[in-house]
Amino acid sequence: MTGDVLLIAIAVVLIVIAMFLVALESALTRVSKVSVSELQATGVAGADRLAGVVANRARYINVILLVRLSLSTLSIVCVTVVCLRALPDPQWLGILVAALVMLLVTFIMLGVAPRTLGQQHALSIARKGAGVARFLNAIFGPIASLLILFGNAITPGKGYRQGPFASTAELREMVDMAEADAVIEAGEREMIHSVFELGDTLAREVMVPRTEMVWIEQEKRLRQALSLALRSGFSRIPVIGDNLDDVVGIVYLKDLARRSFEHREAEHSERVEKLMRPVMFIPDSKPADELMREMQATRTHVAIVIDEYGGTAGLITIEDILEEIVGEIADEYDGQEIAESEELADSCWRVSARMQLDDFAELLGLDVTEESEGVETVAGLLANRLGVVPISGSSIEVEGYRLVAELSAGRRNRVGAVFVSPVQMHDVSVESDPGESSAHDSDRDGASQDEEVSK
């Protein structure tokens, strides 16, 4: 009996120590470097020790976790031995009782209570426990590092040098709790989660696909490029050579405008290739967070995404990556609602570019269907007949009606509405430069409407 009492006493002591370590782990996870710096500035005792711990937070948390798991495991063994002695027959009953008792104790005493205290009094507990963390690290630090190396060796894929315990999963839980406690707003929580997810997002998931790219051939004149930039609303346009898989540079609207202003004759005499800038190529498997840092370092706003076969997969801008964090970047036109169909004077209509093609055909009595055209919307019909992505001013003729793209909206300047009028009426499409020629006659711009050249 004396031995059982001693084992129970040992288990209680181990649980109490483990509780403190759980609270310390929770506090170290929550405390910020800024708050520690403020403590140092005011000369609070223990602030310097805490600063050293926070500077290498992951290592200390891993050691605390190792010691805490060891203590809780030993306490479970002690209680199990006592239960087996008290309930020797059948043995499974003693094991069951020990498991139930330690489950309740572990959940309440090691899961809920100390974690709550650690978060409520994070700075105070972290400051007072920093010395303990440094002591444990001096003794058990090498063991924890060795176990982490062994765990990484037997784990498929790339391991974590500092271990996975101080992971983003814990930080996400903290963010969720902060929102539940009304410390942060729901939108702020979503933004923080988006930052964590950015590292798992690849360029091909964010890019504008090649089918939506706007581009211009390198032999086109400056006036044609300027016209395309003004009509499409894009300020950076990819320049191609033989085909879309041969992107040779990027032309900027500001360069076109400056050259045209300084030398008016250059509009008709100089080619786009003279003003284009070098282009940045990136693989479609590049993580979005790495790409954003690289684009920031090189002050590049646009990059061409290359697929595994070396072809152009699409285009990506730094705004595309930012949208993964902050959500869709809207402009002053995005709030305007476009009616699905609006009848105007003289048998003219204005319809939404997203209007279903079958509904559009029924509205005007046209013999076009989604099956025959292979598209589902009016915008899809324009793109199918043009062979390129429609921009404001692009037009086609369908069974006696002229369809003119208009009302480009949003950061990507996609067509929002289509103006429909009888062909016999005066051409109401946006006037284009009569000197322009194009590889796409219907676009009359010298360039295929490219992807979102960032504004």
Protein backbone atom coordinates (compact mmCIF):
# COMPACT_ATOMS: atom_id res chain seq x y z
CA MET A 1 0.00 0.00 0.00
CA THR A 2 2.87 2.38 0.80
CA GLY A 3 4.27 1.73 -2.65
CA ASP A 4 0.92 2.59 -4.28
CA VAL A 5 0.68 5.85 -2.35
CA LEU A 6 4.19 6.75 -3.42
CA LEU A 7 3.35 6.04 -7.06
CA ILE A 8 0.22 8.18 -6.85
CA ALA A 9 2.22 10.99 -5.24
CA ILE A 10 4.84 10.74 -8.00
CA ALA A 11 2.09 10.84 -10.66
CA VAL A 12 0.57 13.96 -9.08
CA VAL A 13 3.93 15.73 -8.95
CA LEU A 14 4.64 14.79 -12.57
CA ILE A 15 1.23 16.08 -13.67
CA VAL A 16 1.74 19.38 -11.82
CA ILE A 17 5.14 19.90 -13.45
CA ALA A 18 3.67 18.96 -16.83
CA MET A 19 0.88 21.49 -16.27
CA PHE A 20 3.44 24.24 -15.78
CA LEU A 21 5.27 23.18 -18.93
CA VAL A 22 2.03 23.20 -20.93
CA ALA A 23 1.27 26.71 -19.70
CA LEU A 24 4.83 27.79 -20.54
CA GLU A 25 4.60 26.27 -24.01
CA SER A 26 1.29 28.05 -24.64
CA ALA A 27 2.70 31.34 -23.34
CA LEU A 28 5.86 31.15 -25.47
CA THR A 29 3.74 30.44 -28.54
CA ARG A 30 1.56 33.46 -27.88
CA VAL A 31 4.05 36.09 -26.72
CA SER A 32 5.38 38.43 -29.41
CA LYS A 33 8.88 39.80 -29.98
CA VAL A 34 7.49 43.34 -29.85
CA SER A 35 6.11 42.87 -26.33
CA VAL A 36 9.41 41.32 -25.22
CA SER A 37 11.32 44.30 -26.63
CA GLU A 38 9.09 46.64 -24.64
CA LEU A 39 9.90 44.71 -21.48
CA GLN A 40 13.61 45.03 -22.22
CA ALA A 41 13.25 48.75 -22.82
CA THR A 42 11.64 49.21 -19.40
CA GLY A 43 14.25 47.05 -17.67
CA VAL A 44 11.89 44.36 -16.38
CA ALA A 45 13.66 41.47 -14.68
CA GLY A 46 13.95 38.36 -16.83
CA ALA A 47 13.22 40.22 -20.06
CA ASP A 48 16.67 39.52 -21.50
CA ARG A 49 16.36 35.78 -20.82
CA LEU A 50 12.93 35.77 -22.43
CA ALA A 51 14.28 37.61 -25.48
CA GLY A 52 16.86 34.86 -26.00
CA VAL A 53 14.16 32.20 -25.79
CA VAL A 54 11.79 34.00 -28.16
CA ALA A 55 14.62 34.52 -30.67
CA ASN A 56 14.85 30.71 -31.03
CA ARG A 57 11.29 29.92 -30.07
CA ALA A 58 10.89 26.65 -32.02
CA ARG A 59 13.89 24.98 -30.38
CA TYR A 60 12.73 25.75 -26.84
CA ILE A 61 9.14 24.72 -27.51
CA ASN A 62 10.34 21.39 -28.93
CA VAL A 63 12.36 20.70 -25.78
CA ILE A 64 9.46 21.66 -23.52
CA LEU A 65 7.19 19.39 -25.53
CA LEU A 66 9.63 16.47 -25.16
CA VAL A 67 9.90 16.89 -21.38
CA ARG A 68 6.17 17.40 -20.99
CA LEU A 69 5.35 14.22 -22.96
CA SER A 70 7.90 12.30 -20.91
CA LEU A 71 6.35 13.44 -17.62
CA SER A 72 2.79 12.71 -18.71
CA THR A 73 3.83 9.26 -19.97
CA LEU A 74 5.52 8.43 -16.66
CA SER A 75 2.46 9.56 -14.74
CA ILE A 76 0.26 7.31 -16.87
CA VAL A 77 2.58 4.36 -16.13
CA CYS A 78 2.43 5.06 -12.39
CA VAL A 79 -1.36 5.20 -12.34
CA THR A 80 -1.63 2.08 -14.49
CA VAL A 81 0.59 0.11 -12.07
CA VAL A 82 -1.55 1.22 -9.12
CA CYS A 83 -4.77 0.26 -10.91
CA LEU A 84 -3.41 -3.16 -11.83
CA ARG A 85 -2.47 -3.81 -8.20
CA ALA A 86 -5.86 -2.62 -6.93
CA LEU A 87 -7.79 -4.56 -9.59
CA PRO A 88 -5.60 -7.60 -10.34
CA ASP A 89 -8.36 -9.74 -11.86
CA PRO A 90 -9.25 -9.29 -14.64
CA GLN A 91 -6.27 -7.22 -15.79
CA TRP A 92 -8.17 -5.47 -18.56
CA LEU A 93 -10.38 -3.83 -15.93
CA GLY A 94 -7.39 -2.20 -14.23
CA ILE A 95 -6.03 -1.02 -17.58
CA LEU A 96 -9.45 0.37 -18.52
CA VAL A 97 -9.80 2.27 -15.24
CA ALA A 98 -6.28 3.70 -15.59
CA ALA A 99 -6.98 4.76 -19.16
CA LEU A 100 -10.24 6.51 -18.25
CA VAL A 101 -8.75 8.27 -15.23
CA MET A 102 -5.69 9.51 -17.10
CA LEU A 103 -7.78 10.53 -20.11
CA LEU A 104 -9.83 12.86 -17.92
CA VAL A 105 -6.77 14.13 -16.06
CA THR A 106 -4.77 14.70 -19.23
CA PHE A 107 -7.58 16.48 -21.02
CA ILE A 108 -8.50 18.76 -18.13
CA MET A 109 -5.19 19.23 -16.33
CA LEU A 110 -2.88 19.20 -19.36
CA GLY A 111 -5.16 20.24 -22.18
CA VAL A 112 -7.60 22.91 -21.02
CA ALA A 113 -6.59 24.57 -17.76
CA PRO A 114 -2.86 25.27 -18.31
CA ARG A 115 -3.30 26.32 -21.92
CA THR A 116 -5.97 28.79 -20.91
CA LEU A 117 -3.71 30.23 -18.20
CA GLY A 118 -0.80 30.36 -20.62
CA GLN A 119 -2.78 32.43 -23.07
CA GLN A 120 -4.41 34.65 -20.46
CA HIS A 121 -1.09 35.52 -18.80
CA ALA A 122 1.32 34.83 -21.65
CA LEU A 123 3.87 37.54 -20.97
CA SER A 124 4.10 36.96 -17.22
CA ILE A 125 4.36 33.15 -17.46
CA ALA A 126 6.82 33.31 -20.36
CA ARG A 127 9.04 35.77 -18.48
CA LYS A 128 9.05 33.71 -15.28
CA GLY A 129 9.50 30.43 -17.11
CA ALA A 130 12.23 31.55 -19.51
CA GLY A 131 14.92 30.36 -17.09
CA VAL A 132 13.29 26.93 -16.86
CA ALA A 133 13.14 26.72 -20.65
CA ARG A 134 16.84 27.55 -20.93
CA PHE A 135 17.72 24.97 -18.25
CA LEU A 136 15.72 22.22 -19.97
CA ASN A 137 17.23 23.14 -23.32
CA ALA A 138 20.75 22.79 -21.93
CA ILE A 139 19.98 19.25 -20.71
CA PHE A 140 17.49 17.86 -23.23
CA GLY A 141 18.18 20.06 -26.27
CA PRO A 142 20.57 17.60 -27.98
CA ILE A 143 18.13 14.73 -27.39
CA ALA A 144 15.25 16.69 -28.94
CA SER A 145 17.37 17.62 -31.96
CA LEU A 146 18.44 14.01 -32.44
CA LEU A 147 14.84 12.78 -32.26
CA ILE A 148 13.76 15.41 -34.78
CA LEU A 149 16.50 14.28 -37.18
CA PHE A 150 15.40 10.69 -36.77
CA GLY A 151 11.75 11.63 -37.32
CA ASN A 152 12.61 13.55 -40.48
CA ALA A 153 14.63 10.57 -41.75
CA ILE A 154 11.70 8.17 -41.53
CA THR A 155 9.12 10.70 -42.75
CA PRO A 156 8.41 10.79 -46.51
CA GLY A 157 9.15 14.13 -48.13
CA LYS A 158 11.03 17.10 -46.77
CA GLY A 159 11.24 17.34 -42.99
CA TYR A 160 11.47 20.36 -40.71
CA ARG A 161 14.88 21.16 -39.25
CA GLN A 162 13.30 22.74 -36.18
CA GLY A 163 10.57 20.12 -35.99
CA PRO A 164 6.89 20.49 -36.89
CA PHE A 165 5.60 21.24 -33.41
CA ALA A 166 5.79 25.04 -33.49
CA SER A 167 3.88 24.99 -36.75
CA THR A 168 1.46 27.22 -38.57
CA ALA A 169 -1.33 24.93 -37.39
CA GLU A 170 -0.88 26.25 -33.85
CA LEU A 171 -0.77 29.81 -35.12
CA ARG A 172 -3.96 29.25 -37.09
CA GLU A 173 -5.66 27.98 -33.97
CA MET A 174 -4.59 31.13 -32.17
CA VAL A 175 -5.99 33.26 -34.98
CA ASP A 176 -9.31 31.41 -34.84
CA MET A 177 -9.46 31.91 -31.09
CA ALA A 178 -8.66 35.59 -31.50
CA GLU A 179 -11.61 35.96 -33.85
CA ALA A 180 -13.88 34.03 -31.48
CA ASP A 181 -12.88 36.40 -28.67
CA ALA A 182 -13.56 39.41 -30.95
CA VAL A 183 -9.90 40.44 -30.84
CA ILE A 184 -9.77 40.49 -34.64
CA GLU A 185 -12.43 40.68 -37.36
CA ALA A 186 -13.48 37.77 -39.57
CA GLY A 187 -11.89 39.43 -42.59
CA GLU A 188 -8.59 39.78 -40.74
CA ARG A 189 -8.68 36.11 -39.80
CA GLU A 190 -9.26 35.11 -43.41
CA MET A 191 -6.39 37.33 -44.54
CA ILE A 192 -4.00 35.77 -42.03
CA HIS A 193 -5.02 32.28 -43.11
CA SER A 194 -4.45 33.31 -46.73
CA VAL A 195 -0.88 34.31 -45.85
CA PHE A 196 -0.25 30.83 -44.45
CA GLU A 197 -1.77 29.20 -47.52
CA LEU A 198 0.25 31.34 -49.95
CA GLY A 199 3.26 29.05 -49.57
CA ASP A 200 1.16 26.11 -50.79
CA THR A 201 -0.20 28.05 -53.77
CA LEU A 202 1.56 27.55 -57.11
CA ALA A 203 1.92 30.09 -59.89
CA ARG A 204 -0.34 28.11 -62.23
CA GLU A 205 -3.19 28.41 -59.72
CA VAL A 206 -2.98 32.22 -59.71
CA MET A 207 -1.93 33.08 -63.27
CA VAL A 208 -4.05 34.44 -66.08
CA PRO A 209 -4.19 31.55 -68.60
CA ARG A 210 -2.77 32.08 -72.10
CA THR A 211 -6.28 31.98 -73.57
CA GLU A 212 -7.02 35.23 -71.74
CA MET A 213 -3.72 36.95 -72.43
CA VAL A 214 -3.49 40.18 -74.38
CA TRP A 215 -0.33 40.48 -76.47
CA ILE A 216 1.18 42.30 -79.43
CA GLU A 217 3.63 41.27 -82.15
CA GLN A 218 7.11 42.80 -82.00
CA GLU A 219 6.93 44.18 -85.57
CA LYS A 220 3.83 46.28 -84.88
CA ARG A 221 4.10 50.06 -84.82
CA LEU A 222 4.04 52.10 -81.66
CA ARG A 223 0.67 53.60 -82.56
CA GLN A 224 -0.87 50.14 -82.77
CA ALA A 225 0.54 49.23 -79.38
CA LEU A 226 -0.67 52.50 -77.88
CA SER A 227 -4.13 51.91 -79.32
CA LEU A 228 -4.24 48.39 -77.91
CA ALA A 229 -3.16 49.57 -74.46
CA LEU A 230 -5.82 52.30 -74.41
CA ARG A 231 -8.57 50.02 -75.68
CA SER A 232 -7.74 47.05 -73.48
CA GLY A 233 -7.01 49.13 -70.38
CA PHE A 234 -3.71 47.32 -69.71
CA SER A 235 -0.52 49.24 -69.06
CA ARG A 236 1.90 46.33 -69.55
CA ILE A 237 1.53 44.11 -72.59
CA PRO A 238 3.61 41.04 -73.53
CA VAL A 239 5.42 41.25 -76.88
CA ILE A 240 5.66 38.06 -78.95
CA GLY A 241 7.86 36.95 -81.83
CA ASP A 242 6.79 34.02 -84.01
CA ASN A 243 3.89 32.92 -81.77
CA LEU A 244 2.55 33.11 -78.24
CA ASP A 245 5.15 30.61 -77.05
CA ASP A 246 7.83 33.08 -78.13
CA VAL A 247 7.43 35.97 -75.69
CA VAL A 248 10.34 38.34 -76.27
CA GLY A 249 9.55 41.23 -73.92
CA ILE A 250 7.05 43.50 -72.21
CA VAL A 251 5.99 46.90 -73.53
CA TYR A 252 4.86 49.56 -71.05
CA LEU A 253 2.18 52.13 -71.75
CA LYS A 254 4.25 54.84 -70.07
CA ASP A 255 7.14 54.12 -72.46
CA LEU A 256 4.81 54.30 -75.44
CA ALA A 257 3.27 57.55 -74.23
CA ARG A 258 6.65 59.16 -73.49
CA ARG A 259 8.09 58.21 -76.89
CA SER A 260 4.97 59.35 -78.71
CA PHE A 261 4.96 62.66 -76.85
CA GLU A 262 8.62 63.38 -77.50
CA HIS A 263 8.67 62.17 -81.12
CA ARG A 264 5.29 62.20 -82.79
CA GLU A 265 6.65 60.69 -85.97
CA ALA A 266 7.84 57.64 -84.02
CA GLU A 267 4.25 56.42 -83.72
CA HIS A 268 4.25 55.36 -87.35
CA SER A 269 7.95 54.72 -87.97
CA GLU A 270 9.18 52.76 -84.94
CA ARG A 271 8.35 49.22 -83.96
CA VAL A 272 7.31 47.86 -80.59
CA GLU A 273 10.48 45.81 -80.21
CA LYS A 274 12.47 49.04 -79.83
CA LEU A 275 10.68 49.98 -76.59
CA MET A 276 10.02 46.58 -75.06
CA ARG A 277 11.67 45.69 -71.76
CA PRO A 278 13.15 42.34 -70.68
CA VAL A 279 10.62 39.75 -69.58
CA MET A 280 10.74 37.58 -66.48
CA PHE A 281 10.02 33.86 -66.99
CA ILE A 282 9.00 31.57 -64.13
CA PRO A 283 7.93 27.89 -64.01
CA ASP A 284 4.28 27.17 -63.36
CA SER A 285 5.27 25.15 -60.29
CA LYS A 286 6.88 28.09 -58.48
CA PRO A 287 5.30 28.82 -55.06
CA ALA A 288 3.42 32.11 -54.99
CA ASP A 289 5.14 33.41 -51.86
CA GLU A 290 8.61 32.89 -53.35
CA LEU A 291 7.51 34.53 -56.57
CA MET A 292 6.17 37.59 -54.76
CA ARG A 293 9.44 38.06 -52.88
CA GLU A 294 11.39 37.68 -56.12
CA MET A 295 9.18 40.16 -57.96
CA GLN A 296 9.51 42.64 -55.09
CA ALA A 297 13.30 42.29 -55.07
CA THR A 298 13.58 42.79 -58.85
CA ARG A 299 10.81 45.44 -58.98
CA THR A 300 8.98 43.36 -61.58
CA HIS A 301 5.22 43.56 -61.89
CA VAL A 302 4.63 41.04 -64.67
CA ALA A 303 6.07 37.56 -65.29
CA ILE A 304 5.40 34.98 -68.00
CA VAL A 305 4.53 31.52 -66.68
CA ILE A 306 6.13 28.61 -68.54
CA ASP A 307 4.76 25.07 -68.47
CA GLU A 308 6.79 21.86 -68.26
CA TYR A 309 7.17 21.74 -72.04
CA GLY A 310 8.60 25.24 -72.29
CA GLY A 311 5.45 26.80 -73.73
CA THR A 312 3.63 29.87 -72.46
CA ALA A 313 1.10 28.78 -69.85
CA GLY A 314 -0.07 32.25 -68.89
CA LEU A 315 0.89 35.49 -67.25
CA ILE A 316 1.01 36.52 -63.61
CA THR A 317 1.22 39.92 -61.98
CA ILE A 318 2.05 40.89 -58.43
CA GLU A 319 -1.59 42.00 -58.06
CA ASP A 320 -2.71 38.42 -58.78
CA ILE A 321 -0.65 37.21 -55.84
CA LEU A 322 -1.88 39.99 -53.56
CA GLU A 323 -5.45 39.03 -54.39
CA GLU A 324 -4.77 35.61 -52.89
CA ILE A 325 -4.23 37.42 -49.58
CA VAL A 326 -6.60 40.38 -49.58
CA GLY A 327 -9.26 39.05 -51.96
CA GLU A 328 -10.46 40.47 -55.25
CA ILE A 329 -9.14 43.95 -55.92
CA ALA A 330 -12.10 45.92 -57.21
CA ASP A 331 -12.24 49.30 -58.88
CA GLU A 332 -14.89 52.01 -59.18
CA TYR A 333 -16.71 50.12 -61.93
CA ASP A 334 -17.07 46.79 -60.17
CA GLY A 335 -20.03 47.88 -58.10
CA GLN A 336 -22.14 48.70 -61.15
CA GLU A 337 -24.79 46.14 -61.91
CA ILE A 338 -25.29 45.28 -65.57
CA ALA A 339 -28.79 44.18 -66.50
CA GLU A 340 -28.96 40.87 -68.36
CA SER A 341 -30.74 42.59 -71.24
CA GLU A 342 -31.88 46.18 -71.83
CA GLU A 343 -33.82 47.27 -74.89
CA LEU A 344 -32.71 50.58 -76.37
CA ALA A 345 -33.99 52.73 -79.19
CA ASP A 346 -33.93 51.73 -82.90
CA SER A 347 -34.05 47.96 -82.28
CA CYS A 348 -30.80 48.05 -80.31
CA TRP A 349 -30.02 46.08 -77.18
CA ARG A 350 -27.42 46.09 -74.45
CA VAL A 351 -26.91 42.65 -72.92
CA SER A 352 -24.64 41.28 -70.23
CA ALA A 353 -21.51 39.55 -71.50
CA ARG A 354 -22.38 36.68 -69.15
CA MET A 355 -25.87 36.22 -70.61
CA GLN A 356 -26.53 32.62 -71.64
CA LEU A 357 -26.18 32.18 -75.38
CA ASP A 358 -29.47 30.28 -75.75
CA ASP A 359 -31.32 33.09 -73.95
CA PHE A 360 -29.62 35.65 -76.18
CA ALA A 361 -30.58 33.73 -79.33
CA GLU A 362 -34.16 33.48 -78.15
CA LEU A 363 -34.25 37.21 -77.39
CA LEU A 364 -33.24 38.20 -80.93
CA GLY A 365 -34.53 35.17 -82.81
CA LEU A 366 -31.06 34.00 -83.87
CA ASP A 367 -30.16 30.52 -85.05
CA VAL A 368 -27.16 30.04 -82.76
CA THR A 369 -26.95 27.54 -79.92
CA GLU A 370 -24.51 26.68 -77.20
CA GLU A 371 -23.98 23.29 -78.82
CA SER A 372 -23.20 24.64 -82.29
CA GLU A 373 -20.85 27.38 -81.04
CA GLY A 374 -19.24 25.39 -78.25
CA VAL A 375 -19.66 28.27 -75.78
CA GLU A 376 -22.25 29.19 -73.19
CA THR A 377 -22.26 33.01 -73.01
CA VAL A 378 -22.37 36.05 -75.27
CA ALA A 379 -18.76 36.83 -74.31
CA GLY A 380 -17.87 33.29 -75.32
CA LEU A 381 -19.53 33.85 -78.70
CA LEU A 382 -17.43 36.97 -79.26
CA ALA A 383 -14.23 35.15 -78.32
CA ASN A 384 -15.13 32.15 -80.50
CA ARG A 385 -15.82 34.24 -83.60
CA LEU A 386 -12.89 36.62 -83.04
CA GLY A 387 -10.34 33.96 -82.19
CA VAL A 388 -9.01 36.15 -79.37
CA VAL A 389 -10.25 37.47 -76.05
CA PRO A 390 -12.66 40.35 -76.76
CA ILE A 391 -11.79 43.82 -75.51
CA SER A 392 -13.79 47.02 -75.59
CA GLY A 393 -14.54 47.88 -79.22
CA SER A 394 -14.16 44.37 -80.64
CA SER A 395 -17.11 43.48 -82.86
CA ILE A 396 -18.58 40.63 -84.89
CA GLU A 397 -21.64 40.17 -87.10
CA VAL A 398 -24.18 37.46 -86.42
CA GLU A 399 -27.19 36.97 -88.70
CA GLY A 400 -27.78 40.63 -89.43
CA TYR A 401 -26.75 41.96 -86.03
CA ARG A 402 -23.50 43.60 -85.01
CA LEU A 403 -22.22 42.78 -81.53
CA VAL A 404 -19.80 45.29 -80.04
CA ALA A 405 -17.94 44.62 -76.78
CA GLU A 406 -18.11 47.49 -74.29
CA LEU A 407 -18.03 48.42 -70.62
CA SER A 408 -14.78 46.73 -69.67
CA ALA A 409 -14.73 46.46 -65.90
CA GLY A 410 -12.58 45.17 -63.07
CA ARG A 411 -8.84 45.08 -62.71
CA ARG A 412 -8.59 42.64 -65.60
CA ASN A 413 -10.80 44.76 -67.84
CA ARG A 414 -13.01 41.94 -68.95
CA VAL A 415 -15.95 42.82 -71.14
CA GLY A 416 -19.02 43.48 -69.01
CA ALA A 417 -21.68 44.24 -71.65
CA VAL A 418 -22.29 43.86 -75.38
CA PHE A 419 -24.07 46.43 -77.56
CA VAL A 420 -26.25 44.80 -80.21
CA SER A 421 -27.57 46.69 -83.24
CA PRO A 422 -28.82 45.85 -86.76
CA VAL A 423 -25.99 45.72 -89.30
CA GLN A 424 -27.66 48.26 -91.61
CA MET A 425 -27.33 50.93 -88.94
CA HIS A 426 -24.29 53.22 -88.76
CA ASP A 427 -21.33 51.44 -87.24
CA VAL A 428 -21.49 52.15 -83.51
CA SER A 429 -18.36 50.34 -82.51
CA VAL A 430 -15.51 52.22 -80.91
CA GLU A 431 -13.52 54.06 -83.56
CA SER A 432 -10.09 52.55 -84.17
CA ASP A 433 -7.06 53.92 -85.94
CA PRO A 434 -7.48 53.45 -89.73
CA GLY A 435 -3.76 52.85 -90.03
CA GLU A 436 -3.88 49.79 -87.80
CA SER A 437 -3.56 46.32 -89.17
CA SER A 438 -3.57 43.14 -87.18
CA ALA A 439 -2.88 39.51 -87.13
CA HIS A 440 -6.50 39.41 -85.99
CA ASP A 441 -8.56 41.39 -88.48
CA SER A 442 -11.59 41.50 -86.22
CA ASP A 443 -9.56 43.11 -83.45
CA ARG A 444 -7.87 45.63 -85.77
CA ASP A 445 -5.28 46.21 -83.12
CA GLY A 446 -2.20 44.35 -84.06
CA ALA A 447 -2.38 42.35 -80.91
CA SER A 448 -4.32 39.61 -79.43
CA GLN A 449 -6.01 40.77 -76.34
CA ASP A 450 -3.80 39.65 -73.73
CA GLU A 451 -4.01 38.59 -70.38
CA GLU A 452 -4.16 40.95 -67.68
CA VAL A 453 -1.33 43.24 -68.17
CA SER A 454 -1.21 44.82 -64.77
CA LYS A 455 -2.59 48.27 -64.49
